[in-house]
Amino acid sequence: MSRYFIEFSKQGYIKYISHLDLQRLFKRSFRRVGIPIDYSEGYNPHPKMGFVQPLSLGYTTSQDYLEFHTKEPIRVDIMRSDLRDVMPQGIDIINIKELDIKPKSLASCVVAAVYEISLPMNYRSRSEDVEKLVNKYMSQDGILAEKREKKTKKMVEVDIKNKIQSISVDKNIDGNIVLIMKLDAGSNSNLSPEQVITSFTKFSQLYLPREDIEVERKYLIFDPCIPQTLGLHLQKPKKEE
C-alpha cells in the first residue's frame, strides 16, 4: 500500500458543489484514469481518501489537498496529467506527491489557514478606514461570536480572539477591500472564517449582504514536523513570527 496527496485548486462556479459531491468527483476520476485506490475492510468498504481540511460551500481555494491510499505505487507524473484531462472546469490538479510521514496524516498536522476575504466597499472605499476598524476590532479584550453547540444545537456566544492569529488589510481591488486572515485550523483548534466575518461586520457596522462577500482559502499551514521536501507551508517558530 502507498500513500499520496493531491494538491489542487478550486475556482469559479464549482465552489458551489458540496463536500460529498467533490468526494464523488475525485472517486470517479480516479476510476477513469486507473488509479488503484485502496479500500477499507469490512461489510461496507470505503475508499481510503479524504480532504485534509474540508472547505465550506461557496469557498474557492488556491491550494487544497486530498490524501489517498493506493494498492500499488503509481507514476505521479502520468497520473497528474491524466487527472487534469478528466477534471471539470474550475478544478486544476497542481501536483501529486508521495506521502511518507507515518503514522501521521496531513490532516493531523494542520495548524492554521490563511484566507482572503473580499468586502464590497464602494461607499467606503478607503483601505485606511478599514485598517483602523481592523485594529480596533483586534484590540478588544475579547471578540465574541455566535456558535452552534453540537449537543443542544443552540446558538451561544464564544470568545474567538485567541484563535485569530492575525488580520491585515491587503489593498483595494476593483472597489473591494481585501482582508487577509490567519486563523487556527485543524483538530486541536479550529475557527471558521464565517464567525470572524459575522462578528467583524457587526462590530464595524458594515451591513453587507453575505452573498456579496467572497472567501478564498489561500493555503493551509502545517506543523514544522512535516518534511520541507513536500513543499507545504510550515508554521514558523513563534520567535520568527
Protein backbone atom coordinates (compact mmCIF):
# COMPACT_ATOMS: atom_id res chain seq x y z
CA MET A 1 0.00 0.00 0.00
CA SER A 2 1.24 3.50 -0.89
CA ARG A 3 0.14 6.96 0.27
CA TYR A 4 -0.08 10.12 -1.80
CA PHE A 5 -1.64 13.56 -1.72
CA ILE A 6 -3.03 15.72 -4.49
CA GLU A 7 -2.62 19.48 -4.44
CA PHE A 8 -5.40 21.16 -6.39
CA SER A 9 -7.20 24.48 -6.80
CA LYS A 10 -10.95 25.12 -6.93
CA GLN A 11 -12.21 28.27 -8.63
CA GLY A 12 -15.36 29.59 -10.25
CA TYR A 13 -18.84 28.10 -10.07
CA ILE A 14 -17.61 24.69 -8.93
CA LYS A 15 -17.24 26.24 -5.47
CA TYR A 16 -20.98 25.58 -5.10
CA ILE A 17 -20.72 21.77 -5.20
CA SER A 18 -20.91 20.07 -1.82
CA HIS A 19 -18.10 18.34 0.03
CA LEU A 20 -19.77 14.97 -0.62
CA ASP A 21 -20.11 15.68 -4.35
CA LEU A 22 -16.44 16.68 -4.50
CA GLN A 23 -15.53 13.34 -2.93
CA ARG A 24 -17.63 11.54 -5.55
CA LEU A 25 -15.96 13.57 -8.30
CA PHE A 26 -12.47 12.51 -7.27
CA LYS A 27 -13.53 8.90 -6.68
CA ARG A 28 -14.95 8.64 -10.20
CA SER A 29 -11.98 10.47 -11.69
CA PHE A 30 -9.60 8.01 -10.02
CA ARG A 31 -11.56 5.17 -11.57
CA ARG A 32 -11.46 6.78 -15.02
CA VAL A 33 -7.69 7.23 -15.08
CA GLY A 34 -6.94 3.87 -13.48
CA ILE A 35 -5.62 4.89 -10.05
CA PRO A 36 -5.80 1.67 -7.96
CA ILE A 37 -7.36 3.26 -4.89
CA ASP A 38 -7.26 1.14 -1.73
CA TYR A 39 -10.44 0.38 0.25
CA SER A 40 -11.16 -0.22 3.90
CA GLU A 41 -12.12 -3.70 5.06
CA GLY A 42 -15.47 -4.81 6.42
CA TYR A 43 -19.08 -5.14 5.30
CA ASN A 44 -19.24 -1.67 3.69
CA PRO A 45 -15.75 -0.80 2.36
CA HIS A 46 -14.90 2.83 1.63
CA PRO A 47 -12.09 4.29 -0.46
CA LYS A 48 -9.13 5.36 1.67
CA MET A 49 -9.18 9.02 0.71
CA GLY A 50 -10.05 12.28 2.43
CA PHE A 51 -9.65 16.02 2.17
CA VAL A 52 -7.06 17.45 4.53
CA GLN A 53 -9.26 20.36 5.70
CA PRO A 54 -12.71 20.35 4.04
CA LEU A 55 -13.97 23.72 2.81
CA SER A 56 -17.37 25.28 3.35
CA LEU A 57 -19.75 25.54 0.42
CA GLY A 58 -19.10 28.66 -1.66
CA TYR A 59 -15.39 28.98 -0.82
CA THR A 60 -12.72 28.98 -3.50
CA THR A 61 -9.18 27.83 -2.83
CA SER A 62 -5.77 28.28 -4.41
CA GLN A 63 -4.30 25.25 -2.64
CA ASP A 64 -6.34 22.34 -1.36
CA TYR A 65 -5.24 18.80 -0.56
CA LEU A 66 -6.65 15.32 -0.91
CA GLU A 67 -4.84 12.41 0.75
CA PHE A 68 -5.35 8.89 -0.60
CA HIS A 69 -4.01 5.33 -0.42
CA THR A 70 -3.35 3.04 -3.37
CA LYS A 71 -2.98 -0.73 -3.58
CA GLU A 72 0.25 -0.30 -5.51
CA PRO A 73 2.65 2.54 -6.42
CA ILE A 74 1.63 4.95 -9.19
CA ARG A 75 3.52 7.17 -11.63
CA VAL A 76 2.67 10.59 -10.20
CA ASP A 77 3.70 12.49 -13.36
CA ILE A 78 1.41 10.40 -15.57
CA MET A 79 -1.49 10.44 -13.12
CA ARG A 80 -1.27 14.21 -12.72
CA SER A 81 -1.59 14.66 -16.48
CA ASP A 82 -4.40 12.10 -16.76
CA LEU A 83 -6.38 13.63 -13.90
CA ARG A 84 -6.08 17.13 -15.36
CA ASP A 85 -7.67 15.84 -18.57
CA VAL A 86 -10.79 14.49 -16.84
CA MET A 87 -11.37 17.25 -14.27
CA PRO A 88 -14.26 19.70 -14.85
CA GLN A 89 -13.70 23.40 -15.40
CA GLY A 90 -12.68 25.10 -12.16
CA ILE A 91 -10.52 22.32 -10.73
CA ASP A 92 -6.83 22.20 -11.59
CA ILE A 93 -4.50 19.42 -10.45
CA ILE A 94 -1.35 21.26 -9.37
CA ASN A 95 0.70 18.34 -8.10
CA ILE A 96 0.70 14.76 -6.83
CA LYS A 97 3.30 13.69 -4.28
CA GLU A 98 4.06 10.56 -2.31
CA LEU A 99 3.41 10.91 1.40
CA ASP A 100 5.64 9.25 3.97
CA ILE A 101 5.08 10.73 7.43
CA LYS A 102 3.98 7.61 9.23
CA PRO A 103 1.82 7.26 11.20
CA LYS A 104 0.50 10.83 10.95
CA SER A 105 -1.81 12.04 8.22
CA LEU A 106 -1.61 15.50 6.67
CA ALA A 107 -4.94 16.35 8.30
CA SER A 108 -3.49 15.76 11.77
CA CYS A 109 -0.65 18.20 11.06
CA VAL A 110 -2.73 21.27 10.06
CA VAL A 111 -2.29 24.18 12.49
CA ALA A 112 -3.63 27.25 10.63
CA ALA A 113 -5.24 28.52 7.46
CA VAL A 114 -4.88 31.79 5.55
CA TYR A 115 -8.00 33.28 3.96
CA GLU A 116 -8.57 36.19 1.60
CA ILE A 117 -11.85 37.99 2.34
CA SER A 118 -13.14 40.44 -0.29
CA LEU A 119 -15.59 43.03 1.03
CA PRO A 120 -17.51 45.28 -1.37
CA MET A 121 -16.76 48.79 -0.14
CA ASN A 122 -17.92 51.10 -2.91
CA TYR A 123 -19.47 53.51 -0.41
CA ARG A 124 -16.44 53.38 1.89
CA SER A 125 -13.55 52.68 -0.41
CA ARG A 126 -10.53 53.86 1.53
CA SER A 127 -8.48 50.96 2.85
CA GLU A 128 -7.14 53.23 5.63
CA ASP A 129 -10.64 53.38 7.14
CA VAL A 130 -10.94 49.62 7.20
CA GLU A 131 -7.44 49.24 8.63
CA LYS A 132 -8.50 51.38 11.60
CA LEU A 133 -11.59 49.21 12.04
CA VAL A 134 -9.44 46.04 11.99
CA ASN A 135 -7.06 47.45 14.61
CA LYS A 136 -9.99 48.48 16.80
CA TYR A 137 -11.62 45.07 16.36
CA MET A 138 -8.43 43.20 17.30
CA SER A 139 -7.71 45.46 20.31
CA GLN A 140 -10.83 44.27 22.14
CA ASP A 141 -10.29 42.31 25.35
CA GLY A 142 -12.46 39.60 23.88
CA ILE A 143 -14.06 39.00 20.48
CA LEU A 144 -17.48 37.42 20.75
CA ALA A 145 -19.06 35.35 18.01
CA GLU A 146 -22.02 33.01 17.82
CA LYS A 147 -21.51 29.28 17.55
CA ARG A 148 -23.97 26.40 17.45
CA GLU A 149 -23.46 23.81 20.21
CA LYS A 150 -23.17 20.25 18.94
CA LYS A 151 -25.31 18.67 21.64
CA THR A 152 -28.06 21.22 22.22
CA LYS A 153 -27.95 22.82 18.72
CA LYS A 154 -28.43 26.17 20.45
CA MET A 155 -26.55 29.31 19.40
CA VAL A 156 -24.17 30.51 22.11
CA GLU A 157 -21.59 33.30 22.30
CA VAL A 158 -17.93 32.29 22.46
CA ASP A 159 -14.70 34.26 22.63
CA ILE A 160 -12.72 33.66 19.42
CA LYS A 161 -9.90 36.17 19.92
CA ASN A 162 -7.23 33.62 20.83
CA LYS A 163 -8.00 31.68 17.62
CA ILE A 164 -7.40 34.70 15.35
CA GLN A 165 -3.67 34.72 14.67
CA SER A 166 -3.72 37.87 12.53
CA ILE A 167 -5.88 40.09 10.31
CA SER A 168 -4.43 42.61 7.88
CA VAL A 169 -5.81 44.86 5.14
CA ASP A 170 -4.22 43.99 1.83
CA LYS A 171 -5.46 46.54 -0.71
CA ASN A 172 -8.39 47.97 -2.58
CA ILE A 173 -9.12 45.85 -5.67
CA ASP A 174 -11.93 46.90 -8.03
CA GLY A 175 -13.87 48.54 -5.23
CA ASN A 176 -13.32 45.65 -2.82
CA ILE A 177 -11.31 45.80 0.37
CA VAL A 178 -9.30 42.60 0.81
CA LEU A 179 -8.67 41.26 4.31
CA ILE A 180 -6.03 38.58 4.91
CA MET A 181 -6.95 36.41 7.89
CA LYS A 182 -4.71 33.80 9.50
CA LEU A 183 -6.89 31.60 11.70
CA ASP A 184 -6.43 28.48 13.78
CA ALA A 185 -7.27 25.34 11.82
CA GLY A 186 -7.02 21.63 12.46
CA SER A 187 -8.02 19.12 15.11
CA ASN A 188 -6.52 20.96 18.10
CA SER A 189 -8.04 24.39 17.48
CA ASN A 190 -10.25 25.44 14.60
CA LEU A 191 -12.03 28.68 13.73
CA SER A 192 -14.43 29.19 10.86
CA PRO A 193 -13.91 32.41 8.90
CA GLU A 194 -17.70 32.78 8.93
CA GLN A 195 -17.58 33.57 12.64
CA VAL A 196 -14.93 36.24 12.07
CA ILE A 197 -16.77 37.76 9.11
CA THR A 198 -20.05 37.95 11.04
CA SER A 199 -18.51 39.42 14.19
CA PHE A 200 -16.28 41.88 12.30
CA THR A 201 -19.03 43.27 10.06
CA LYS A 202 -21.35 43.57 13.07
CA PHE A 203 -18.67 45.29 15.17
CA SER A 204 -17.78 47.65 12.31
CA GLN A 205 -21.44 48.29 11.40
CA LEU A 206 -20.73 47.21 7.84
CA TYR A 207 -24.10 45.78 6.94
CA LEU A 208 -23.11 43.84 3.84
CA PRO A 209 -25.15 41.06 2.22
CA ARG A 210 -23.27 37.81 2.90
CA GLU A 211 -23.58 36.78 -0.75
CA ASP A 212 -21.52 39.85 -1.72
CA ILE A 213 -18.55 38.74 0.40
CA GLU A 214 -16.07 36.44 -1.36
CA VAL A 215 -13.90 34.00 0.59
CA GLU A 216 -10.84 32.21 -0.75
CA ARG A 217 -8.58 29.99 1.27
CA LYS A 218 -5.10 30.81 0.04
CA TYR A 219 -3.26 27.98 1.76
CA LEU A 220 -3.01 25.75 4.80
CA ILE A 221 -0.16 25.88 7.31
CA PHE A 222 1.27 22.66 8.73
CA ASP A 223 3.25 21.67 11.79
CA PRO A 224 7.00 22.04 11.11
CA CYS A 225 7.50 18.32 11.77
CA ILE A 226 6.31 17.84 8.16
CA PRO A 227 9.31 17.37 5.81
CA GLN A 228 10.18 20.52 3.86
CA THR A 229 10.62 18.37 0.75
CA LEU A 230 6.81 18.12 0.45
CA GLY A 231 6.70 21.82 -0.46
CA LEU A 232 3.96 22.71 2.04
CA HIS A 233 3.62 25.90 4.09
CA LEU A 234 5.09 25.21 7.52
CA GLN A 235 4.40 27.10 10.74
CA LYS A 236 7.35 29.30 11.68
CA PRO A 237 8.69 29.25 15.22
CA LYS A 238 6.97 31.89 17.36
CA LYS A 239 10.15 33.96 17.69
CA GLU A 240 10.21 34.44 13.91
CA GLU A 241 6.55 35.47 13.50
